[in-house]
N, C-alpha and C. Protein backbone atom coordinates (compact mmCIF):
# COMPACT_ATOMS: atom_id res chain seq x y z
N MET A 1 14.80 10.96 7.93
CA MET A 1 14.11 10.38 9.22
C MET A 1 13.02 9.85 8.80
N ILE A 2 12.81 8.54 9.65
CA ILE A 2 11.93 7.55 9.46
C ILE A 2 10.74 7.74 9.99
N LEU A 3 9.67 8.06 9.30
CA LEU A 3 8.36 8.38 10.26
C LEU A 3 7.90 6.97 10.98
N VAL A 4 7.64 7.25 12.16
CA VAL A 4 7.10 5.96 12.94
C VAL A 4 5.63 6.12 13.12
N ILE A 5 4.75 5.24 12.73
CA ILE A 5 3.41 5.29 13.02
C ILE A 5 2.89 4.75 14.41
N GLN A 6 2.44 5.50 15.00
CA GLN A 6 2.10 4.91 16.65
C GLN A 6 0.81 4.11 16.48
N LYS A 7 0.62 3.20 17.46
CA LYS A 7 -0.73 2.40 17.19
C LYS A 7 -1.93 3.02 16.95
N ARG A 8 -2.10 3.90 17.96
CA ARG A 8 -3.36 4.85 17.59
C ARG A 8 -3.49 5.53 16.04
N ASN A 9 -2.39 5.92 15.47
CA ASN A 9 -2.28 6.19 14.09
C ASN A 9 -2.97 5.04 12.94
N ILE A 10 -2.32 4.04 13.52
CA ILE A 10 -2.79 2.75 12.74
C ILE A 10 -3.89 2.81 12.68
N ILE A 11 -4.87 2.32 14.16
CA ILE A 11 -6.21 2.45 14.38
C ILE A 11 -7.01 3.20 13.53
N ARG A 12 -6.80 4.49 13.71
CA ARG A 12 -7.30 5.41 12.77
C ARG A 12 -7.18 5.40 11.52
N LEU A 13 -6.00 4.74 10.98
CA LEU A 13 -5.83 4.49 9.41
C LEU A 13 -7.04 3.28 8.95
N ALA A 14 -6.94 2.40 9.69
CA ALA A 14 -7.74 1.34 9.58
C ALA A 14 -9.20 1.39 9.56
N SER A 15 -9.68 2.28 10.62
CA SER A 15 -11.04 2.79 10.86
C SER A 15 -11.47 3.61 9.50
N ALA A 16 -10.47 4.43 9.34
CA ALA A 16 -11.22 5.47 8.00
C ALA A 16 -10.95 4.55 6.69
N THR A 17 -9.93 3.70 6.51
CA THR A 17 -10.03 3.02 5.54
C THR A 17 -11.18 2.02 5.25
N ALA A 18 -11.58 1.24 6.16
CA ALA A 18 -12.62 0.35 6.38
C ALA A 18 -13.90 1.25 6.28
N THR A 19 -13.70 2.39 6.70
CA THR A 19 -15.27 3.44 6.53
C THR A 19 -15.18 3.59 4.87
N ALA A 20 -14.11 4.07 4.41
CA ALA A 20 -14.36 4.47 3.07
C ALA A 20 -14.56 3.62 2.09
N LEU A 21 -13.90 2.30 2.40
CA LEU A 21 -14.34 1.08 1.44
C LEU A 21 -15.66 0.73 1.59
N LEU A 22 -16.24 1.04 2.89
CA LEU A 22 -17.35 0.38 2.72
C LEU A 22 -18.66 1.47 1.89
N LEU A 23 -18.19 2.81 2.23
CA LEU A 23 -18.88 3.62 1.47
C LEU A 23 -18.78 3.48 -0.14
N ALA A 24 -17.44 3.00 -0.81
CA ALA A 24 -17.11 2.71 -2.06
C ALA A 24 -18.02 1.69 -2.38
N GLY A 25 -18.51 0.69 -1.34
CA GLY A 25 -19.12 -0.67 -1.77
C GLY A 25 -18.01 -1.50 -1.73
N ILE A 26 -16.88 -1.46 -1.47
CA ILE A 26 -15.61 -2.53 -1.36
C ILE A 26 -15.40 -3.34 -0.15
N SER A 27 -15.41 -4.23 -0.04
CA SER A 27 -15.31 -4.94 1.11
C SER A 27 -13.90 -5.60 1.09
N VAL A 28 -12.84 -5.27 1.95
CA VAL A 28 -11.85 -5.90 2.19
C VAL A 28 -11.50 -6.13 3.38
N SER A 29 -11.12 -7.40 3.91
CA SER A 29 -10.82 -7.66 5.00
C SER A 29 -9.48 -7.16 5.72
N LEU A 30 -9.12 -6.38 6.91
CA LEU A 30 -7.80 -6.12 7.28
C LEU A 30 -7.35 -7.21 8.38
N ALA A 31 -7.99 -8.10 8.84
CA ALA A 31 -7.49 -8.81 9.70
C ALA A 31 -8.07 -10.11 9.29
N PRO A 32 -7.47 -11.27 8.71
CA PRO A 32 -7.89 -12.41 8.51
C PRO A 32 -8.68 -13.28 9.79
N ALA A 33 -9.46 -14.08 9.42
CA ALA A 33 -10.18 -14.81 10.53
C ALA A 33 -8.72 -15.85 10.96
N ALA A 34 -8.89 -16.37 12.21
CA ALA A 34 -7.88 -17.20 12.57
C ALA A 34 -8.01 -18.65 11.89
N GLY A 35 -7.34 -19.28 11.51
CA GLY A 35 -7.31 -20.30 10.85
C GLY A 35 -8.41 -20.87 9.71
N ALA A 36 -9.17 -19.50 9.10
CA ALA A 36 -9.97 -19.98 8.13
C ALA A 36 -10.08 -18.81 7.24
N SER A 37 -9.27 -19.28 6.12
CA SER A 37 -9.60 -18.12 4.84
C SER A 37 -9.68 -19.17 3.67
N ALA A 38 -10.46 -18.70 2.80
CA ALA A 38 -10.43 -19.37 1.27
C ALA A 38 -9.65 -18.58 0.39
N ASN A 39 -8.92 -17.49 0.86
CA ASN A 39 -7.66 -16.87 0.01
C ASN A 39 -6.34 -17.56 -0.07
N TYR A 40 -5.48 -17.43 -1.08
CA TYR A 40 -4.15 -18.00 -0.98
C TYR A 40 -3.40 -17.22 0.31
N ALA A 41 -3.68 -15.78 0.34
CA ALA A 41 -3.04 -15.28 1.45
C ALA A 41 -3.68 -13.80 1.82
N ASP A 42 -3.71 -13.52 2.96
CA ASP A 42 -4.36 -12.18 3.60
C ASP A 42 -3.25 -11.54 4.16
N CYS A 43 -2.70 -10.23 3.78
CA CYS A 43 -1.70 -9.50 4.34
C CYS A 43 -1.91 -8.25 4.97
N VAL A 44 -1.47 -7.84 6.19
CA VAL A 44 -1.41 -6.35 6.53
C VAL A 44 -0.15 -6.09 6.57
N GLY A 45 0.30 -4.70 6.88
CA GLY A 45 1.40 -3.93 6.87
C GLY A 45 1.49 -2.67 6.71
N THR A 46 2.94 -2.33 6.73
CA THR A 46 3.28 -0.83 6.55
C THR A 46 3.84 -0.31 5.29
N THR A 47 3.68 0.69 5.14
CA THR A 47 4.50 0.96 3.64
C THR A 47 5.14 2.80 3.92
N HIS A 48 6.38 2.83 3.76
CA HIS A 48 6.64 4.25 3.70
C HIS A 48 7.32 4.52 2.20
N GLU A 49 7.20 5.76 2.02
CA GLU A 49 7.48 6.17 0.67
C GLU A 49 8.17 7.47 1.04
N THR A 50 9.54 7.85 0.30
CA THR A 50 10.22 8.63 0.52
C THR A 50 10.41 9.75 -0.96
N TYR A 51 10.53 10.96 -0.94
CA TYR A 51 10.66 11.66 -2.36
C TYR A 51 11.73 12.55 -2.41
N ASN A 52 12.37 12.47 -3.46
CA ASN A 52 13.68 13.39 -3.59
C ASN A 52 13.70 14.11 -4.79
N PRO A 53 13.27 15.45 -5.38
CA PRO A 53 13.03 16.43 -3.86
C PRO A 53 11.70 16.12 -3.50
N GLY A 54 11.25 16.85 -2.56
CA GLY A 54 10.21 16.51 -1.83
C GLY A 54 8.99 16.93 -2.43
N LEU A 55 7.95 16.70 -2.38
CA LEU A 55 6.72 17.15 -3.04
C LEU A 55 6.17 18.56 -2.89
N LEU A 56 5.69 19.15 -3.74
CA LEU A 56 4.97 20.59 -3.66
C LEU A 56 3.56 20.19 -4.22
N PHE A 57 2.78 21.35 -4.22
CA PHE A 57 1.48 21.52 -4.92
C PHE A 57 1.48 21.03 -6.18
N SER A 58 2.85 21.51 -6.82
CA SER A 58 2.56 21.53 -8.24
C SER A 58 3.41 20.22 -8.81
N SER A 59 3.03 19.75 -9.52
CA SER A 59 3.66 18.57 -10.30
C SER A 59 5.29 18.67 -10.71
N GLN A 60 5.99 17.72 -10.20
CA GLN A 60 7.58 17.89 -10.76
C GLN A 60 7.96 16.29 -10.61
N GLU A 61 9.08 16.05 -11.45
CA GLU A 61 10.03 14.98 -11.23
C GLU A 61 10.19 14.77 -10.11
N THR A 62 10.22 13.78 -9.53
CA THR A 62 11.06 13.23 -8.40
C THR A 62 11.61 11.76 -7.97
N GLN A 63 12.35 11.41 -7.45
CA GLN A 63 12.85 10.17 -7.15
C GLN A 63 11.86 9.41 -6.30
N LEU A 64 10.89 8.33 -6.45
CA LEU A 64 10.07 7.74 -5.36
C LEU A 64 10.96 6.55 -4.90
N SER A 65 11.06 6.40 -3.63
CA SER A 65 11.47 5.08 -2.96
C SER A 65 10.54 4.51 -1.98
N VAL A 66 9.97 2.98 -2.12
CA VAL A 66 8.85 2.60 -1.19
C VAL A 66 9.41 1.69 -0.78
N THR A 67 9.21 1.33 0.39
CA THR A 67 9.40 0.32 1.32
C THR A 67 8.06 -0.24 1.89
N THR A 68 7.51 -1.77 1.67
CA THR A 68 6.47 -2.40 2.14
C THR A 68 6.72 -3.37 3.02
N ASP A 69 6.27 -3.69 4.00
CA ASP A 69 6.44 -4.68 4.80
C ASP A 69 5.21 -5.50 5.27
N PHE A 70 5.05 -6.54 4.63
CA PHE A 70 3.73 -7.17 5.32
C PHE A 70 4.22 -7.92 6.38
N THR A 71 3.69 -7.45 7.71
CA THR A 71 4.02 -8.07 8.79
C THR A 71 3.53 -9.05 9.14
N THR A 72 2.34 -9.41 8.76
CA THR A 72 1.10 -10.41 9.48
C THR A 72 0.51 -10.97 8.19
N CYS A 73 0.63 -12.39 7.77
CA CYS A 73 0.16 -12.91 6.74
C CYS A 73 -0.62 -14.49 7.20
N THR A 74 -1.75 -14.22 6.83
CA THR A 74 -2.33 -15.61 6.93
C THR A 74 -2.24 -16.26 5.52
N SER A 75 -2.00 -17.48 5.37
CA SER A 75 -1.83 -18.26 4.13
C SER A 75 -2.13 -19.56 3.81
N SER A 76 -2.75 -20.21 2.68
CA SER A 76 -2.66 -21.48 2.41
C SER A 76 -1.32 -22.19 2.47
N ASP A 77 -0.28 -21.52 2.08
CA ASP A 77 0.92 -21.85 2.34
C ASP A 77 1.42 -21.70 3.86
N PRO A 78 1.60 -22.71 4.52
CA PRO A 78 1.92 -22.66 6.12
C PRO A 78 3.35 -22.10 6.17
N THR A 79 4.08 -21.83 5.18
CA THR A 79 5.47 -21.14 5.33
C THR A 79 5.65 -19.91 4.91
N LEU A 80 4.47 -19.54 4.42
CA LEU A 80 4.40 -17.81 4.24
C LEU A 80 3.60 -17.05 5.63
N THR A 81 4.46 -16.02 6.26
CA THR A 81 4.04 -15.54 7.22
C THR A 81 4.20 -13.91 7.04
N THR A 82 5.14 -13.74 6.20
CA THR A 82 5.57 -12.22 5.93
C THR A 82 6.01 -12.12 4.56
N GLY A 83 6.14 -10.73 4.40
CA GLY A 83 6.54 -10.45 3.08
C GLY A 83 6.97 -8.95 2.82
N GLY A 84 7.48 -8.49 1.89
CA GLY A 84 7.56 -7.45 1.76
C GLY A 84 8.47 -6.87 0.41
N ASP A 85 8.38 -5.83 -0.04
CA ASP A 85 9.05 -5.14 -1.39
C ASP A 85 9.61 -3.81 -1.30
N SER A 86 10.53 -3.69 -2.22
CA SER A 86 10.92 -2.23 -2.02
C SER A 86 11.60 -1.73 -3.49
N TYR A 87 11.36 -0.84 -4.11
CA TYR A 87 11.43 -0.17 -4.96
C TYR A 87 12.01 1.43 -5.19
N SER A 88 12.60 1.85 -6.45
CA SER A 88 12.70 3.34 -6.73
C SER A 88 12.68 3.55 -8.14
N ALA A 89 11.97 4.56 -8.08
CA ALA A 89 11.60 4.96 -9.74
C ALA A 89 11.54 6.48 -9.74
N PRO A 90 11.83 7.13 -10.65
CA PRO A 90 11.47 8.49 -11.07
C PRO A 90 9.97 8.64 -11.47
N VAL A 91 9.19 9.54 -10.85
CA VAL A 91 7.67 9.68 -10.99
C VAL A 91 7.56 11.22 -10.99
N THR A 92 6.44 11.31 -11.31
CA THR A 92 6.02 12.84 -11.75
C THR A 92 4.62 13.05 -10.63
N ALA A 93 5.24 13.59 -9.48
CA ALA A 93 3.97 13.62 -8.62
C ALA A 93 3.76 14.97 -7.77
N SER A 94 3.01 15.03 -6.57
CA SER A 94 2.55 16.47 -6.35
C SER A 94 2.14 16.26 -4.76
N CYS A 95 1.87 17.01 -3.98
CA CYS A 95 1.28 16.72 -2.65
C CYS A 95 -0.24 16.58 -2.98
N ILE A 96 -1.19 17.13 -4.27
CA ILE A 96 -2.22 16.61 -4.42
C ILE A 96 -2.30 15.02 -5.02
N GLN A 97 -1.64 14.40 -5.38
CA GLN A 97 -1.43 13.17 -6.10
C GLN A 97 0.05 12.64 -5.71
N PRO A 98 0.28 12.32 -4.51
CA PRO A 98 1.65 11.71 -4.11
C PRO A 98 1.64 9.97 -4.35
N LEU A 99 0.57 9.75 -4.63
CA LEU A 99 0.85 8.09 -4.93
C LEU A 99 0.53 7.72 -6.40
N SER A 100 0.91 6.66 -6.66
CA SER A 100 0.62 6.12 -7.98
C SER A 100 -0.74 6.12 -8.50
N THR A 101 -0.55 5.94 -9.96
CA THR A 101 -2.03 6.07 -10.57
C THR A 101 -2.00 5.04 -11.85
N GLY A 102 -2.57 4.35 -12.36
CA GLY A 102 -2.44 3.77 -13.66
C GLY A 102 -2.24 2.22 -13.40
N SER A 103 -1.14 1.55 -13.85
CA SER A 103 -0.68 0.44 -13.81
C SER A 103 0.55 0.36 -13.39
N PHE A 104 0.80 -0.58 -12.80
CA PHE A 104 2.25 -0.90 -12.20
C PHE A 104 2.58 -2.23 -11.92
N ILE A 105 3.91 -2.95 -12.06
CA ILE A 105 4.19 -4.35 -11.59
C ILE A 105 4.91 -3.94 -10.16
N GLU A 106 4.74 -5.61 -9.36
CA GLU A 106 5.12 -5.26 -8.07
C GLU A 106 5.54 -6.85 -7.57
N VAL A 107 6.73 -6.65 -7.11
CA VAL A 107 7.18 -8.08 -6.68
C VAL A 107 7.50 -8.27 -5.18
N VAL A 108 6.80 -9.05 -4.74
CA VAL A 108 6.69 -9.12 -3.10
C VAL A 108 7.58 -10.25 -3.18
N HIS A 109 8.63 -10.17 -2.15
CA HIS A 109 9.52 -11.23 -1.64
C HIS A 109 8.98 -12.14 -0.01
N TRP A 110 8.39 -13.03 -0.34
CA TRP A 110 7.84 -13.62 0.98
C TRP A 110 9.03 -14.29 1.88
N ASN A 111 8.74 -14.46 3.33
CA ASN A 111 9.84 -15.05 4.01
C ASN A 111 10.35 -16.38 3.79
N ASN A 112 9.49 -17.54 3.11
CA ASN A 112 9.68 -18.59 2.76
C ASN A 112 10.83 -18.75 1.71
N GLY A 113 11.13 -17.70 1.16
CA GLY A 113 12.24 -17.69 -0.18
C GLY A 113 11.55 -17.47 -1.40
N GLU A 114 10.23 -17.82 -1.52
CA GLU A 114 9.45 -17.44 -2.53
C GLU A 114 9.17 -15.83 -2.91
N SER A 115 8.61 -15.53 -4.15
CA SER A 115 8.23 -14.51 -4.71
C SER A 115 6.90 -14.60 -5.03
N SER A 116 6.15 -13.31 -5.55
CA SER A 116 5.00 -13.03 -6.36
C SER A 116 5.34 -12.00 -7.25
N THR A 117 4.95 -12.05 -8.52
CA THR A 117 4.93 -10.99 -9.04
C THR A 117 3.61 -10.63 -9.55
N PHE A 118 3.09 -9.40 -9.43
CA PHE A 118 1.84 -8.72 -9.54
C PHE A 118 1.76 -7.87 -10.61
N SER A 119 0.74 -7.78 -11.58
CA SER A 119 0.42 -6.61 -12.36
C SER A 119 -0.73 -6.16 -11.86
N LEU A 120 -0.85 -4.92 -11.33
CA LEU A 120 -1.76 -4.16 -11.02
C LEU A 120 -2.33 -2.93 -11.39
N THR A 121 -3.61 -2.67 -11.14
CA THR A 121 -4.01 -1.28 -11.76
C THR A 121 -4.77 -0.62 -10.56
N ILE A 122 -4.95 0.55 -10.36
CA ILE A 122 -5.28 1.51 -9.47
C ILE A 122 -6.82 1.37 -10.26
N THR A 123 -7.85 1.18 -9.04
CA THR A 123 -9.29 1.12 -9.24
C THR A 123 -9.93 2.26 -8.38
N ALA A 124 -9.08 2.62 -7.63
CA ALA A 124 -10.00 3.61 -6.44
C ALA A 124 -8.89 4.61 -5.88
N TYR A 125 -9.13 5.97 -6.18
CA TYR A 125 -8.05 6.84 -5.49
C TYR A 125 -8.73 8.24 -4.84
N SER A 126 -8.80 8.14 -3.68
CA SER A 126 -9.66 9.11 -2.86
C SER A 126 -8.99 9.72 -1.45
N GLU A 127 -9.43 10.74 -1.21
CA GLU A 127 -9.14 11.78 0.08
C GLU A 127 -9.93 11.72 1.00
N VAL A 128 -10.22 10.90 2.22
CA VAL A 128 -11.16 10.86 3.06
C VAL A 128 -10.46 11.42 4.54
N GLY A 129 -11.12 12.40 5.31
CA GLY A 129 -10.53 12.49 6.43
C GLY A 129 -9.23 13.01 6.83
N GLY A 130 -8.34 13.34 5.86
CA GLY A 130 -7.13 13.68 5.95
C GLY A 130 -6.18 12.58 5.31
N GLN A 131 -6.73 11.63 5.07
CA GLN A 131 -6.09 10.18 4.41
C GLN A 131 -6.16 9.93 3.06
N ILE A 132 -5.23 9.49 2.16
CA ILE A 132 -5.44 9.09 0.82
C ILE A 132 -5.42 7.58 0.90
N ILE A 133 -6.67 7.24 0.16
CA ILE A 133 -6.69 5.63 -0.02
C ILE A 133 -6.68 5.22 -1.39
N VAL A 134 -6.13 4.38 -1.65
CA VAL A 134 -5.58 3.94 -3.13
C VAL A 134 -6.00 2.35 -3.07
N ALA A 135 -6.92 1.68 -3.71
CA ALA A 135 -7.11 0.46 -4.06
C ALA A 135 -6.93 0.19 -5.48
N ALA A 136 -6.02 -1.27 -5.57
CA ALA A 136 -5.53 -1.72 -6.69
C ALA A 136 -5.92 -3.04 -6.79
N ALA A 137 -6.13 -3.48 -8.45
CA ALA A 137 -6.42 -5.03 -8.22
C ALA A 137 -5.98 -5.55 -9.65
N GLY A 138 -5.40 -6.87 -9.36
CA GLY A 138 -4.87 -7.30 -10.90
C GLY A 138 -4.93 -8.74 -10.44
N SER A 139 -3.49 -9.11 -11.21
CA SER A 139 -3.48 -10.70 -10.89
C SER A 139 -1.70 -11.04 -10.65
N VAL A 140 -1.58 -12.22 -10.24
CA VAL A 140 -0.28 -12.71 -9.92
C VAL A 140 0.12 -13.51 -11.31
N THR A 141 1.34 -12.77 -12.03
CA THR A 141 1.83 -13.15 -13.16
C THR A 141 2.85 -14.01 -13.06
N ALA A 142 3.52 -14.37 -12.17
CA ALA A 142 4.44 -15.06 -12.09
C ALA A 142 4.83 -15.43 -10.33
N GLY A 143 5.36 -16.78 -10.15
CA GLY A 143 5.88 -16.88 -8.73
C GLY A 143 4.76 -17.68 -8.00
N GLU A 144 5.11 -17.39 -6.72
CA GLU A 144 3.86 -18.20 -5.65
C GLU A 144 2.23 -17.78 -5.87
N PHE A 145 1.52 -18.30 -6.08
CA PHE A 145 0.09 -18.07 -6.53
C PHE A 145 0.07 -17.54 -7.94
N SER A 146 1.00 -18.03 -8.82
CA SER A 146 0.84 -17.45 -10.18
C SER A 146 -0.67 -17.87 -10.61
N GLY A 147 -1.35 -16.94 -11.31
CA GLY A 147 -2.72 -17.15 -11.93
C GLY A 147 -3.94 -16.73 -10.69
N ALA A 148 -3.61 -16.32 -9.90
CA ALA A 148 -4.45 -15.76 -8.71
C ALA A 148 -5.00 -14.26 -8.72
N ILE A 149 -5.89 -13.84 -8.23
CA ILE A 149 -6.19 -12.40 -8.37
C ILE A 149 -5.59 -11.83 -6.95
N VAL A 150 -5.14 -10.47 -7.12
CA VAL A 150 -4.86 -9.79 -6.14
C VAL A 150 -5.61 -8.46 -5.78
N ALA A 151 -5.98 -8.27 -4.68
CA ALA A 151 -6.50 -6.70 -4.18
C ALA A 151 -5.18 -6.16 -3.10
N ASP A 152 -5.37 -4.99 -3.07
CA ASP A 152 -4.32 -4.24 -2.46
C ASP A 152 -4.81 -2.92 -2.28
N VAL A 153 -4.88 -2.78 -1.13
CA VAL A 153 -5.44 -1.25 -0.36
C VAL A 153 -4.21 -0.57 0.40
N THR A 154 -4.02 0.57 0.08
CA THR A 154 -2.93 1.35 0.72
C THR A 154 -3.69 2.61 1.24
N THR A 155 -3.52 3.00 2.67
CA THR A 155 -3.93 4.19 3.33
C THR A 155 -2.79 5.12 4.03
N VAL A 156 -2.81 6.01 3.41
CA VAL A 156 -1.56 6.99 4.13
C VAL A 156 -1.99 8.08 4.62
N ILE A 157 -1.22 9.42 5.38
CA ILE A 157 -2.06 10.19 5.92
C ILE A 157 -1.38 11.58 4.70
N ALA A 158 -2.47 12.09 4.64
CA ALA A 158 -2.21 13.24 3.39
C ALA A 158 -1.04 14.04 3.99
N PRO A 159 -0.36 14.52 2.49
CA PRO A 159 0.80 15.49 3.02
C PRO A 159 0.34 16.77 3.71
N ASP A 160 1.35 17.11 4.52
CA ASP A 160 1.50 18.46 5.11
C ASP A 160 1.25 19.66 4.26
N PRO A 161 -0.06 20.37 4.38
CA PRO A 161 0.03 21.47 3.52
C PRO A 161 1.12 22.63 3.49
N ILE A 162 1.46 22.73 4.84
CA ILE A 162 2.56 23.91 5.33
C ILE A 162 3.92 23.22 4.34
N LYS A 163 4.10 21.97 4.49
CA LYS A 163 5.34 21.61 3.87
C LYS A 163 5.14 21.62 2.59
N CYS A 164 4.02 21.37 2.03
CA CYS A 164 3.83 21.47 0.35
C CYS A 164 4.08 23.00 0.08
N LEU A 165 4.00 23.80 0.74
CA LEU A 165 4.16 25.15 0.58
C LEU A 165 5.51 25.68 0.43
N THR A 166 6.29 25.20 1.65
CA THR A 166 7.74 25.32 1.59
C THR A 166 8.80 24.78 1.28
N THR A 167 9.18 23.83 1.96
CA THR A 167 10.09 22.56 2.10
C THR A 167 9.96 21.77 1.37
N GLY A 168 8.66 21.26 1.07
CA GLY A 168 8.30 19.94 0.51
C GLY A 168 8.36 18.55 1.25
N VAL A 169 7.17 18.05 1.16
CA VAL A 169 7.02 16.65 1.73
C VAL A 169 8.14 15.63 1.19
N THR A 170 8.90 15.00 2.13
CA THR A 170 9.90 14.10 1.76
C THR A 170 9.40 12.74 2.09
N SER A 171 8.46 12.77 2.80
CA SER A 171 7.90 11.21 3.27
C SER A 171 6.85 11.10 3.48
N ILE A 172 5.95 9.91 3.49
CA ILE A 172 4.68 9.56 3.76
C ILE A 172 4.67 8.30 4.04
N SER A 173 3.87 7.43 5.26
CA SER A 173 3.77 6.56 5.59
C SER A 173 2.38 5.92 5.95
N GLY A 174 2.13 5.06 5.96
CA GLY A 174 0.73 4.33 6.25
C GLY A 174 0.66 2.65 6.19
N ILE A 175 -0.83 2.22 6.11
CA ILE A 175 -0.87 0.83 6.21
C ILE A 175 -1.42 0.26 5.04
N VAL A 176 -1.26 -0.95 4.86
CA VAL A 176 -1.35 -1.76 3.45
C VAL A 176 -1.94 -3.04 3.91
N SER A 177 -2.82 -3.50 3.09
CA SER A 177 -3.46 -4.63 3.09
C SER A 177 -3.71 -5.27 1.63
N LEU A 178 -3.40 -6.62 1.79
CA LEU A 178 -3.26 -7.43 0.56
C LEU A 178 -4.13 -8.81 0.74
N THR A 179 -4.92 -9.07 -0.23
CA THR A 179 -5.58 -10.36 -0.59
C THR A 179 -5.33 -10.94 -1.86
N ILE A 180 -4.86 -12.19 -1.86
CA ILE A 180 -4.47 -12.91 -2.92
C ILE A 180 -5.39 -14.14 -2.86
N THR A 181 -6.46 -14.24 -4.05
CA THR A 181 -7.34 -15.28 -3.96
C THR A 181 -7.52 -15.81 -5.24
């Protein structure tokens, strides 16, 4: 079952993300200014992650499947307006730490037929107000915007503790912002 994020939940997540980032001294724009950006691309969208088997409080091997849709992008490339990626991998995770840590490679496919390969490292991981916020930074190693710097912030609602104790958490969803400079 796909969890549908209601508009008010997205607003709450965006507000909590912005507050947490300001407290951490990180400044990331969730909505680029119309027509004016010194960045190669500013994107916002949603992420949906599934786990099989579901997450429990104790760490275990699980199959993680992630789908990210950047539904709104402002870019120096006028043909780039949306993008996304999806992947699946075995990971060790738990309800306490459901999102990735360390370094990883992400390939975003853009609506204009191009793609960008990112090499990213998690730079901040925190739980604030029932939401998990993960910031990652790195560079574009191949494709469109090769050589540019990347900042990615993902915010999801923390897993339901009751499910963590019983059947396991099989999915989490949230918002994501991406800045390429």
